[in-house]
Amino acid sequence: MIKLIASDLDGTLLQNGAHDVNPIVFDQIRTLKEHGILFVAASGRQYLNLCRLFEPVKDDIAYIAENGSLCIYKEETLSKGIIEQDLAYRILDEVAKSPQYNCIISGERVCYSTSKNPEFQNHMVNVLQNNMAFIDDPKTEIQEPILKIALCDYNGTDECFHNLRDKFASEIKVVTSGNLWVDFICPDANKGSALQDLASHLHIDPEDCVVFGDQYNDVEMLQTAGTSYAMKNGAPGIEKYATHVTDSVETVLAEIINGLAV
């Protein structure tokens, strides 16, 4: 019996560069709730950004933010992955050597950035509408634990990913997130571990969970749930980690809802 449905956002629920959730999904979430099924927004995005995206139903869903480094339900933080401070500083020192990398550093409710790129700053503030603080020195200006470090390279992720993975993969999880982002995540935090934390809190068997994802930062979540959907246009090979493939989250949700009515 399905009790929880979790979906990634960019490239999964948000297709073709969409910046807003299809209003149909809000109706589907309400219907699922009426049948005792919890919807979870599971993304690399900031928690407050996800709340904005799901404003009409924000109090009815749970959140896996920062690629699993933060899990929140009913404003209660259920789990939080923190990057060890010395490691975070060494990553940031390495990143600073490459001006083409636009860096964001995630706290629980604030995203900090050292980027001076006006295009990037505009995207983060006015398009994604993150709660941003633009800073010069992370070591002195960030006064809270670092949950995630993410780099945006407008030239694509290949060079950035391979360069930094080789340097830090033995100490931290390094994953691509979409076509432009490379994320550094606490080694024991991912969307799958956050899903397990949430399911345990709610006394839900992971076998009763359905999840959707399109990138390699979704792998653990796809492997954790009893039923999983990889997006047809997702990262090459991602489908081997899922039980099904789809090109539309809304279509699958509609099929699930139709099944509930039988």
C-alpha atoms as a PDB file:
ATOM      1  CA  MET A   1       0.000   0.000   0.000  1.00  0.00           C
ATOM      2  CA  ILE A   2       1.382   3.406  -0.983  1.00  0.00           C
ATOM      3  CA  LYS A   3       1.849   5.726   1.994  1.00  0.00           C
ATOM      4  CA  LEU A   4       4.473   8.201   0.763  1.00  0.00           C
ATOM      5  CA  ILE A   5       5.434   9.676  -2.619  1.00  0.00           C
ATOM      6  CA  ALA A   6       8.663  11.672  -3.043  1.00  0.00           C
ATOM      7  CA  SER A   7       9.790  13.517  -6.139  1.00  0.00           C
ATOM      8  CA  ASP A   8      12.892  15.344  -7.219  1.00  0.00           C
ATOM      9  CA  LEU A   9      12.243  18.776  -8.710  1.00  0.00           C
ATOM     10  CA  ASP A  10      14.567  20.018 -11.478  1.00  0.00           C
ATOM     11  CA  GLY A  11      14.473  17.695 -14.470  1.00  0.00           C
ATOM     12  CA  THR A  12      11.821  15.524 -12.822  1.00  0.00           C
ATOM     13  CA  LEU A  13       8.729  17.351 -11.619  1.00  0.00           C
ATOM     14  CA  LEU A  14       9.995  20.552 -13.260  1.00  0.00           C
ATOM     15  CA  GLN A  15      10.547  19.717 -16.928  1.00  0.00           C
ATOM     16  CA  ASN A  16      12.070  21.719 -19.783  1.00  0.00           C
ATOM     17  CA  GLY A  17      13.507  24.435 -17.557  1.00  0.00           C
ATOM     18  CA  ALA A  18      10.204  25.181 -15.794  1.00  0.00           C
ATOM     19  CA  HIS A  19      10.524  27.380 -12.708  1.00  0.00           C
ATOM     20  CA  ASP A  20       7.074  26.720 -11.208  1.00  0.00           C
ATOM     21  CA  VAL A  21       5.170  23.607 -10.248  1.00  0.00           C
ATOM     22  CA  ASN A  22       2.172  22.763 -12.444  1.00  0.00           C
ATOM     23  CA  PRO A  23      -0.967  23.703 -10.429  1.00  0.00           C
ATOM     24  CA  ILE A  24      -2.383  20.262 -11.290  1.00  0.00           C
ATOM     25  CA  VAL A  25       0.221  18.807  -8.932  1.00  0.00           C
ATOM     26  CA  PHE A  26      -1.193  20.795  -5.999  1.00  0.00           C
ATOM     27  CA  ASP A  27      -4.615  19.226  -6.605  1.00  0.00           C
ATOM     28  CA  GLN A  28      -2.982  15.805  -6.838  1.00  0.00           C
ATOM     29  CA  ILE A  29      -1.142  16.371  -3.551  1.00  0.00           C
ATOM     30  CA  ARG A  30      -4.415  17.338  -1.853  1.00  0.00           C
ATOM     31  CA  THR A  31      -6.131  14.217  -3.188  1.00  0.00           C
ATOM     32  CA  LEU A  32      -3.242  12.012  -2.079  1.00  0.00           C
ATOM     33  CA  LYS A  33      -3.430  13.543   1.402  1.00  0.00           C
ATOM     34  CA  GLU A  34      -7.151  12.728   1.579  1.00  0.00           C
ATOM     35  CA  HIS A  35      -6.163   9.080   1.055  1.00  0.00           C
ATOM     36  CA  GLY A  36      -3.466   9.201   3.711  1.00  0.00           C
ATOM     37  CA  ILE A  37      -0.529   9.492   1.296  1.00  0.00           C
ATOM     38  CA  LEU A  38       2.171  12.057   2.110  1.00  0.00           C
ATOM     39  CA  PHE A  39       3.933  13.926  -0.686  1.00  0.00           C
ATOM     40  CA  VAL A  40       7.596  14.837  -0.243  1.00  0.00           C
ATOM     41  CA  ALA A  41       9.551  17.438  -2.217  1.00  0.00           C
ATOM     42  CA  ALA A  42      13.071  15.965  -2.524  1.00  0.00           C
ATOM     43  CA  SER A  43      15.592  18.318  -4.070  1.00  0.00           C
ATOM     44  CA  GLY A  44      19.031  19.844  -4.008  1.00  0.00           C
ATOM     45  CA  ARG A  45      17.269  23.155  -3.466  1.00  0.00           C
ATOM     46  CA  GLN A  46      17.063  25.174  -0.264  1.00  0.00           C
ATOM     47  CA  TYR A  47      14.235  24.383   2.167  1.00  0.00           C
ATOM     48  CA  LEU A  48      12.711  27.875   1.986  1.00  0.00           C
ATOM     49  CA  ASN A  49      12.886  27.743  -1.814  1.00  0.00           C
ATOM     50  CA  LEU A  50      10.882  24.508  -1.769  1.00  0.00           C
ATOM     51  CA  CYS A  51       8.331  26.077   0.570  1.00  0.00           C
ATOM     52  CA  ARG A  52       7.878  28.880  -1.954  1.00  0.00           C
ATOM     53  CA  LEU A  53       7.459  26.459  -4.861  1.00  0.00           C
ATOM     54  CA  PHE A  54       4.791  24.501  -2.996  1.00  0.00           C
ATOM     55  CA  GLU A  55       3.125  27.516  -1.337  1.00  0.00           C
ATOM     56  CA  PRO A  56      -0.508  26.334  -1.850  1.00  0.00           C
ATOM     57  CA  VAL A  57       0.228  23.025  -0.082  1.00  0.00           C
ATOM     58  CA  LYS A  58       3.388  23.877   1.844  1.00  0.00           C
ATOM     59  CA  ASP A  59       1.951  22.773   5.199  1.00  0.00           C
ATOM     60  CA  ASP A  60       0.656  19.486   3.782  1.00  0.00           C
ATOM     61  CA  ILE A  61       3.946  18.024   2.569  1.00  0.00           C
ATOM     62  CA  ALA A  62       7.381  17.037   3.850  1.00  0.00           C
ATOM     63  CA  TYR A  63      10.738  18.274   2.597  1.00  0.00           C
ATOM     64  CA  ILE A  64      14.048  16.641   1.739  1.00  0.00           C
ATOM     65  CA  ALA A  65      16.252  19.633   0.914  1.00  0.00           C
ATOM     66  CA  GLU A  66      19.917  20.195   0.086  1.00  0.00           C
ATOM     67  CA  ASN A  67      20.162  16.755  -1.580  1.00  0.00           C
ATOM     68  CA  GLY A  68      19.280  15.001   1.654  1.00  0.00           C
ATOM     69  CA  SER A  69      21.347  17.107   4.034  1.00  0.00           C
ATOM     70  CA  LEU A  70      18.140  18.468   5.543  1.00  0.00           C
ATOM     71  CA  CYS A  71      14.831  16.702   6.214  1.00  0.00           C
ATOM     72  CA  ILE A  72      11.941  18.724   7.638  1.00  0.00           C
ATOM     73  CA  TYR A  73       8.351  17.755   8.415  1.00  0.00           C
ATOM     74  CA  LYS A  74       5.851  20.112  10.028  1.00  0.00           C
ATOM     75  CA  GLU A  75       8.709  22.562  10.714  1.00  0.00           C
ATOM     76  CA  GLU A  76      10.587  19.896  12.691  1.00  0.00           C
ATOM     77  CA  THR A  77      14.129  19.101  11.527  1.00  0.00           C
ATOM     78  CA  LEU A  78      14.314  15.303  11.468  1.00  0.00           C
ATOM     79  CA  SER A  79      17.853  14.962  10.163  1.00  0.00           C
ATOM     80  CA  LYS A  80      20.738  17.203   9.151  1.00  0.00           C
ATOM     81  CA  GLY A  81      24.049  16.336   7.491  1.00  0.00           C
ATOM     82  CA  ILE A  82      26.934  18.653   8.361  1.00  0.00           C
ATOM     83  CA  ILE A  83      30.221  18.908   6.445  1.00  0.00           C
ATOM     84  CA  GLU A  84      33.218  18.828   8.767  1.00  0.00           C
ATOM     85  CA  GLN A  85      34.535  22.380   9.008  1.00  0.00           C
ATOM     86  CA  ASP A  86      38.158  21.758   7.968  1.00  0.00           C
ATOM     87  CA  LEU A  87      37.021  19.755   4.940  1.00  0.00           C
ATOM     88  CA  ALA A  88      34.536  22.472   3.949  1.00  0.00           C
ATOM     89  CA  TYR A  89      37.271  25.101   4.093  1.00  0.00           C
ATOM     90  CA  ARG A  90      39.656  22.981   2.008  1.00  0.00           C
ATOM     91  CA  ILE A  91      36.977  22.516  -0.664  1.00  0.00           C
ATOM     92  CA  LEU A  92      36.228  26.242  -0.688  1.00  0.00           C
ATOM     93  CA  ASP A  93      39.940  27.070  -0.968  1.00  0.00           C
ATOM     94  CA  GLU A  94      40.216  24.793  -3.999  1.00  0.00           C
ATOM     95  CA  VAL A  95      37.051  26.207  -5.559  1.00  0.00           C
ATOM     96  CA  ALA A  96      38.389  29.763  -5.161  1.00  0.00           C
ATOM     97  CA  LYS A  97      41.208  28.918  -7.576  1.00  0.00           C
ATOM     98  CA  SER A  98      38.695  28.677 -10.464  1.00  0.00           C
ATOM     99  CA  PRO A  99      36.780  31.921 -11.058  1.00  0.00           C
ATOM    100  CA  GLN A 100      34.349  30.210 -13.461  1.00  0.00           C
ATOM    101  CA  TYR A 101      32.832  28.254 -10.551  1.00  0.00           C
ATOM    102  CA  ASN A 102      29.883  30.023  -8.931  1.00  0.00           C
ATOM    103  CA  CYS A 103      29.722  28.698  -5.391  1.00  0.00           C
ATOM    104  CA  ILE A 104      26.844  28.502  -2.930  1.00  0.00           C
ATOM    105  CA  ILE A 105      27.265  27.323   0.647  1.00  0.00           C
ATOM    106  CA  SER A 106      24.129  26.074   2.367  1.00  0.00           C
ATOM    107  CA  GLY A 107      23.143  26.762   5.939  1.00  0.00           C
ATOM    108  CA  GLU A 108      19.797  25.552   7.242  1.00  0.00           C
ATOM    109  CA  ARG A 109      17.799  28.625   6.174  1.00  0.00           C
ATOM    110  CA  VAL A 110      20.355  30.787   4.294  1.00  0.00           C
ATOM    111  CA  CYS A 111      22.433  30.160   1.169  1.00  0.00           C
ATOM    112  CA  TYR A 112      25.738  32.020   1.135  1.00  0.00           C
ATOM    113  CA  SER A 113      27.676  32.750  -2.049  1.00  0.00           C
ATOM    114  CA  THR A 114      31.082  34.120  -2.923  1.00  0.00           C
ATOM    115  CA  SER A 115      30.141  34.580  -6.592  1.00  0.00           C
ATOM    116  CA  LYS A 116      30.572  38.030  -8.125  1.00  0.00           C
ATOM    117  CA  ASN A 117      28.853  36.989 -11.385  1.00  0.00           C
ATOM    118  CA  PRO A 118      25.814  39.293 -11.914  1.00  0.00           C
ATOM    119  CA  GLU A 119      24.036  36.672 -14.053  1.00  0.00           C
ATOM    120  CA  PHE A 120      24.401  34.068 -11.336  1.00  0.00           C
ATOM    121  CA  GLN A 121      23.398  36.463  -8.568  1.00  0.00           C
ATOM    122  CA  ASN A 122      20.277  37.451 -10.498  1.00  0.00           C
ATOM    123  CA  HIS A 123      19.378  33.807 -11.100  1.00  0.00           C
ATOM    124  CA  MET A 124      19.702  32.878  -7.436  1.00  0.00           C
ATOM    125  CA  VAL A 125      17.801  35.899  -6.103  1.00  0.00           C
ATOM    126  CA  ASN A 126      15.191  36.695  -8.755  1.00  0.00           C
ATOM    127  CA  VAL A 127      14.641  33.383 -10.560  1.00  0.00           C
ATOM    128  CA  LEU A 128      15.147  30.739  -7.866  1.00  0.00           C
ATOM    129  CA  GLN A 129      14.266  33.277  -5.151  1.00  0.00           C
ATOM    130  CA  ASN A 130      16.624  31.727  -2.626  1.00  0.00           C
ATOM    131  CA  ASN A 131      17.283  33.381   0.706  1.00  0.00           C
ATOM    132  CA  MET A 132      20.790  34.550  -0.252  1.00  0.00           C
ATOM    133  CA  ALA A 133      23.694  36.264   1.476  1.00  0.00           C
ATOM    134  CA  PHE A 134      26.569  37.303  -0.795  1.00  0.00           C
ATOM    135  CA  ILE A 135      29.849  37.277   1.125  1.00  0.00           C
ATOM    136  CA  ASP A 136      33.600  37.605   0.638  1.00  0.00           C
ATOM    137  CA  ASP A 137      35.086  35.275   3.252  1.00  0.00           C
ATOM    138  CA  PRO A 138      33.179  32.102   4.259  1.00  0.00           C
ATOM    139  CA  LYS A 139      35.568  31.400   7.127  1.00  0.00           C
ATOM    140  CA  THR A 140      34.659  34.585   8.974  1.00  0.00           C
ATOM    141  CA  GLU A 141      31.186  35.410   7.653  1.00  0.00           C
ATOM    142  CA  ILE A 142      29.377  32.068   8.016  1.00  0.00           C
ATOM    143  CA  GLN A 143      28.458  31.489  11.649  1.00  0.00           C
ATOM    144  CA  GLU A 144      26.549  28.191  11.305  1.00  0.00           C
ATOM    145  CA  PRO A 145      27.244  24.590  10.215  1.00  0.00           C
ATOM    146  CA  ILE A 146      27.671  24.036   6.467  1.00  0.00           C
ATOM    147  CA  LEU A 147      25.203  21.478   5.085  1.00  0.00           C
ATOM    148  CA  LYS A 148      26.194  21.480   1.417  1.00  0.00           C
ATOM    149  CA  ILE A 149      28.555  23.157  -1.037  1.00  0.00           C
ATOM    150  CA  ALA A 150      27.354  23.494  -4.628  1.00  0.00           C
ATOM    151  CA  LEU A 151      29.108  24.795  -7.728  1.00  0.00           C
ATOM    152  CA  CYS A 152      27.504  26.127 -10.877  1.00  0.00           C
ATOM    153  CA  ASP A 153      29.647  26.120 -14.019  1.00  0.00           C
ATOM    154  CA  TYR A 154      27.904  27.586 -17.050  1.00  0.00           C
ATOM    155  CA  ASN A 155      30.258  25.546 -19.263  1.00  0.00           C
ATOM    156  CA  GLY A 156      28.746  22.310 -17.912  1.00  0.00           C
ATOM    157  CA  THR A 157      29.685  19.884 -15.157  1.00  0.00           C
ATOM    158  CA  ASP A 158      32.251  17.614 -16.850  1.00  0.00           C
ATOM    159  CA  GLU A 159      35.490  19.447 -16.061  1.00  0.00           C
ATOM    160  CA  CYS A 160      34.353  20.656 -12.651  1.00  0.00           C
ATOM    161  CA  PHE A 161      33.048  17.241 -11.589  1.00  0.00           C
ATOM    162  CA  HIS A 162      36.047  15.186 -12.631  1.00  0.00           C
ATOM    163  CA  ASN A 163      38.578  17.687 -11.327  1.00  0.00           C
ATOM    164  CA  LEU A 164      37.065  18.047  -7.872  1.00  0.00           C
ATOM    165  CA  ARG A 165      35.873  14.455  -7.527  1.00  0.00           C
ATOM    166  CA  ASP A 166      39.439  13.264  -7.957  1.00  0.00           C
ATOM    167  CA  LYS A 167      40.550  15.595  -5.160  1.00  0.00           C
ATOM    168  CA  PHE A 168      37.781  15.027  -2.606  1.00  0.00           C
ATOM    169  CA  ALA A 169      35.784  11.866  -3.375  1.00  0.00           C
ATOM    170  CA  SER A 170      37.599   9.901  -0.660  1.00  0.00           C
ATOM    171  CA  GLU A 171      36.294  12.352   1.960  1.00  0.00           C
ATOM    172  CA  ILE A 172      32.903  13.540   0.749  1.00  0.00           C
ATOM    173  CA  LYS A 173      30.143  12.637  -1.692  1.00  0.00           C
ATOM    174  CA  VAL A 174      30.554  14.534  -4.983  1.00  0.00           C
ATOM    175  CA  VAL A 175      27.582  14.340  -7.378  1.00  0.00           C
ATOM    176  CA  THR A 176      26.174  16.123 -10.405  1.00  0.00           C
ATOM    177  CA  SER A 177      22.828  17.818  -9.864  1.00  0.00           C
ATOM    178  CA  GLY A 178      21.289  18.813 -13.175  1.00  0.00           C
ATOM    179  CA  ASN A 179      23.367  19.953 -16.151  1.00  0.00           C
ATOM    180  CA  LEU A 180      25.254  22.828 -14.508  1.00  0.00           C
ATOM    181  CA  TRP A 181      25.701  21.882 -10.863  1.00  0.00           C
ATOM    182  CA  VAL A 182      28.180  19.811  -8.868  1.00  0.00           C
ATOM    183  CA  ASP A 183      27.300  19.213  -5.213  1.00  0.00           C
ATOM    184  CA  PHE A 184      29.407  18.267  -2.199  1.00  0.00           C
ATOM    185  CA  ILE A 185      27.285  16.457   0.371  1.00  0.00           C
ATOM    186  CA  CYS A 186      28.061  15.110   3.836  1.00  0.00           C
ATOM    187  CA  PRO A 187      29.191  11.463   3.289  1.00  0.00           C
ATOM    188  CA  ASP A 188      26.350   9.933   5.312  1.00  0.00           C
ATOM    189  CA  ALA A 189      23.631  12.254   3.974  1.00  0.00           C
ATOM    190  CA  ASN A 190      21.719  11.740   0.730  1.00  0.00           C
ATOM    191  CA  LYS A 191      18.119  11.705  -0.435  1.00  0.00           C
ATOM    192  CA  GLY A 192      17.871   8.005   0.383  1.00  0.00           C
ATOM    193  CA  SER A 193      19.064   8.398   3.977  1.00  0.00           C
ATOM    194  CA  ALA A 194      16.729  11.363   4.457  1.00  0.00           C
ATOM    195  CA  LEU A 195      13.839   9.330   3.045  1.00  0.00           C
ATOM    196  CA  GLN A 196      14.650   6.561   5.516  1.00  0.00           C
ATOM    197  CA  ASP A 197      14.738   9.072   8.387  1.00  0.00           C
ATOM    198  CA  LEU A 198      11.363  10.479   7.374  1.00  0.00           C
ATOM    199  CA  ALA A 199       9.792   7.052   6.833  1.00  0.00           C
ATOM    200  CA  SER A 200      11.070   5.864  10.201  1.00  0.00           C
ATOM    201  CA  HIS A 201       9.684   8.970  11.923  1.00  0.00           C
ATOM    202  CA  LEU A 202       6.273   8.299  10.365  1.00  0.00           C
ATOM    203  CA  HIS A 203       6.463   4.498  10.880  1.00  0.00           C
ATOM    204  CA  ILE A 204       6.265   3.897   7.130  1.00  0.00           C
ATOM    205  CA  ASP A 205       7.930   0.910   5.472  1.00  0.00           C
ATOM    206  CA  PRO A 206      10.186   2.061   2.583  1.00  0.00           C
ATOM    207  CA  GLU A 207       8.443  -0.632   0.506  1.00  0.00           C
ATOM    208  CA  ASP A 208       5.329   1.556   0.727  1.00  0.00           C
ATOM    209  CA  CYS A 209       7.151   4.529  -0.815  1.00  0.00           C
ATOM    210  CA  VAL A 210       7.133   5.688  -4.456  1.00  0.00           C
ATOM    211  CA  VAL A 211       9.890   8.018  -5.675  1.00  0.00           C
ATOM    212  CA  PHE A 212      10.887   9.899  -8.834  1.00  0.00           C
ATOM    213  CA  GLY A 213      14.346  11.119  -9.916  1.00  0.00           C
ATOM    214  CA  ASP A 214      16.514  11.916 -12.908  1.00  0.00           C
ATOM    215  CA  GLN A 215      20.118  12.369 -11.746  1.00  0.00           C
ATOM    216  CA  TYR A 216      22.789  10.516  -9.808  1.00  0.00           C
ATOM    217  CA  ASN A 217      22.008  12.529  -6.696  1.00  0.00           C
ATOM    218  CA  ASP A 218      18.707  10.587  -6.729  1.00  0.00           C
ATOM    219  CA  VAL A 219      20.256   7.090  -6.811  1.00  0.00           C
ATOM    220  CA  GLU A 220      20.012   6.305  -3.085  1.00  0.00           C
ATOM    221  CA  MET A 221      16.400   7.485  -3.016  1.00  0.00           C
ATOM    222  CA  LEU A 222      15.548   5.376  -6.055  1.00  0.00           C
ATOM    223  CA  GLN A 223      17.150   2.354  -4.389  1.00  0.00           C
ATOM    224  CA  THR A 224      15.467   2.922  -1.011  1.00  0.00           C
ATOM    225  CA  ALA A 225      11.827   2.984  -2.122  1.00  0.00           C
ATOM    226  CA  GLY A 226       9.781  -0.059  -2.998  1.00  0.00           C
ATOM    227  CA  THR A 227       8.700   1.580  -6.274  1.00  0.00           C
ATOM    228  CA  SER A 228      10.881   4.035  -8.160  1.00  0.00           C
ATOM    229  CA  TYR A 229      10.666   5.937 -11.436  1.00  0.00           C
ATOM    230  CA  ALA A 230      13.635   7.266 -13.384  1.00  0.00           C
ATOM    231  CA  MET A 231      12.859   9.993 -15.890  1.00  0.00           C
ATOM    232  CA  LYS A 232      13.171   8.985 -19.518  1.00  0.00           C
ATOM    233  CA  ASN A 233      15.286  12.074 -20.275  1.00  0.00           C
ATOM    234  CA  GLY A 234      17.409  11.692 -17.131  1.00  0.00           C
ATOM    235  CA  ALA A 235      21.148  11.123 -16.805  1.00  0.00           C
ATOM    236  CA  PRO A 236      22.472   8.240 -18.934  1.00  0.00           C
ATOM    237  CA  GLY A 237      22.198   4.973 -17.028  1.00  0.00           C
ATOM    238  CA  ILE A 238      20.005   6.317 -14.227  1.00  0.00           C
ATOM    239  CA  GLU A 239      17.190   3.971 -15.243  1.00  0.00           C
ATOM    240  CA  LYS A 240      19.113   0.917 -14.003  1.00  0.00           C
ATOM    241  CA  TYR A 241      18.593   2.129 -10.417  1.00  0.00           C
ATOM    242  CA  ALA A 242      14.794   2.371 -10.775  1.00  0.00           C
ATOM    243  CA  THR A 243      11.964  -0.125 -11.103  1.00  0.00           C
ATOM    244  CA  HIS A 244      10.219   1.910 -13.820  1.00  0.00           C
ATOM    245  CA  VAL A 245      10.847   4.698 -16.357  1.00  0.00           C
ATOM    246  CA  THR A 246       8.467   7.574 -17.067  1.00  0.00           C
ATOM    247  CA  ASP A 247       8.422  10.911 -18.850  1.00  0.00           C
ATOM    248  CA  SER A 248       5.851  12.541 -16.541  1.00  0.00           C
ATOM    249  CA  VAL A 249       5.426  12.575 -12.766  1.00  0.00           C
ATOM    250  CA  GLU A 250       1.932  14.030 -13.121  1.00  0.00           C
ATOM    251  CA  THR A 251       0.834  11.124 -15.325  1.00  0.00           C
ATOM    252  CA  VAL A 252       1.993   8.529 -12.803  1.00  0.00           C
ATOM    253  CA  LEU A 253       0.356  10.446  -9.939  1.00  0.00           C
ATOM    254  CA  ALA A 254      -2.897  10.517 -11.929  1.00  0.00           C
ATOM    255  CA  GLU A 255      -2.681   6.742 -12.419  1.00  0.00           C
ATOM    256  CA  ILE A 256      -2.076   6.231  -8.694  1.00  0.00           C
ATOM    257  CA  ILE A 257      -5.029   8.453  -7.820  1.00  0.00           C
ATOM    258  CA  ASN A 258      -7.285   6.654 -10.303  1.00  0.00           C
ATOM    259  CA  GLY A 259      -6.288   3.378  -8.659  1.00  0.00           C
ATOM    260  CA  LEU A 260      -7.275   4.743  -5.261  1.00  0.00           C
ATOM    261  CA  ALA A 261     -10.764   5.474  -6.524  1.00  0.00           C
ATOM    262  CA  VAL A 262     -11.378   1.883  -7.610  1.00  0.00           C
END
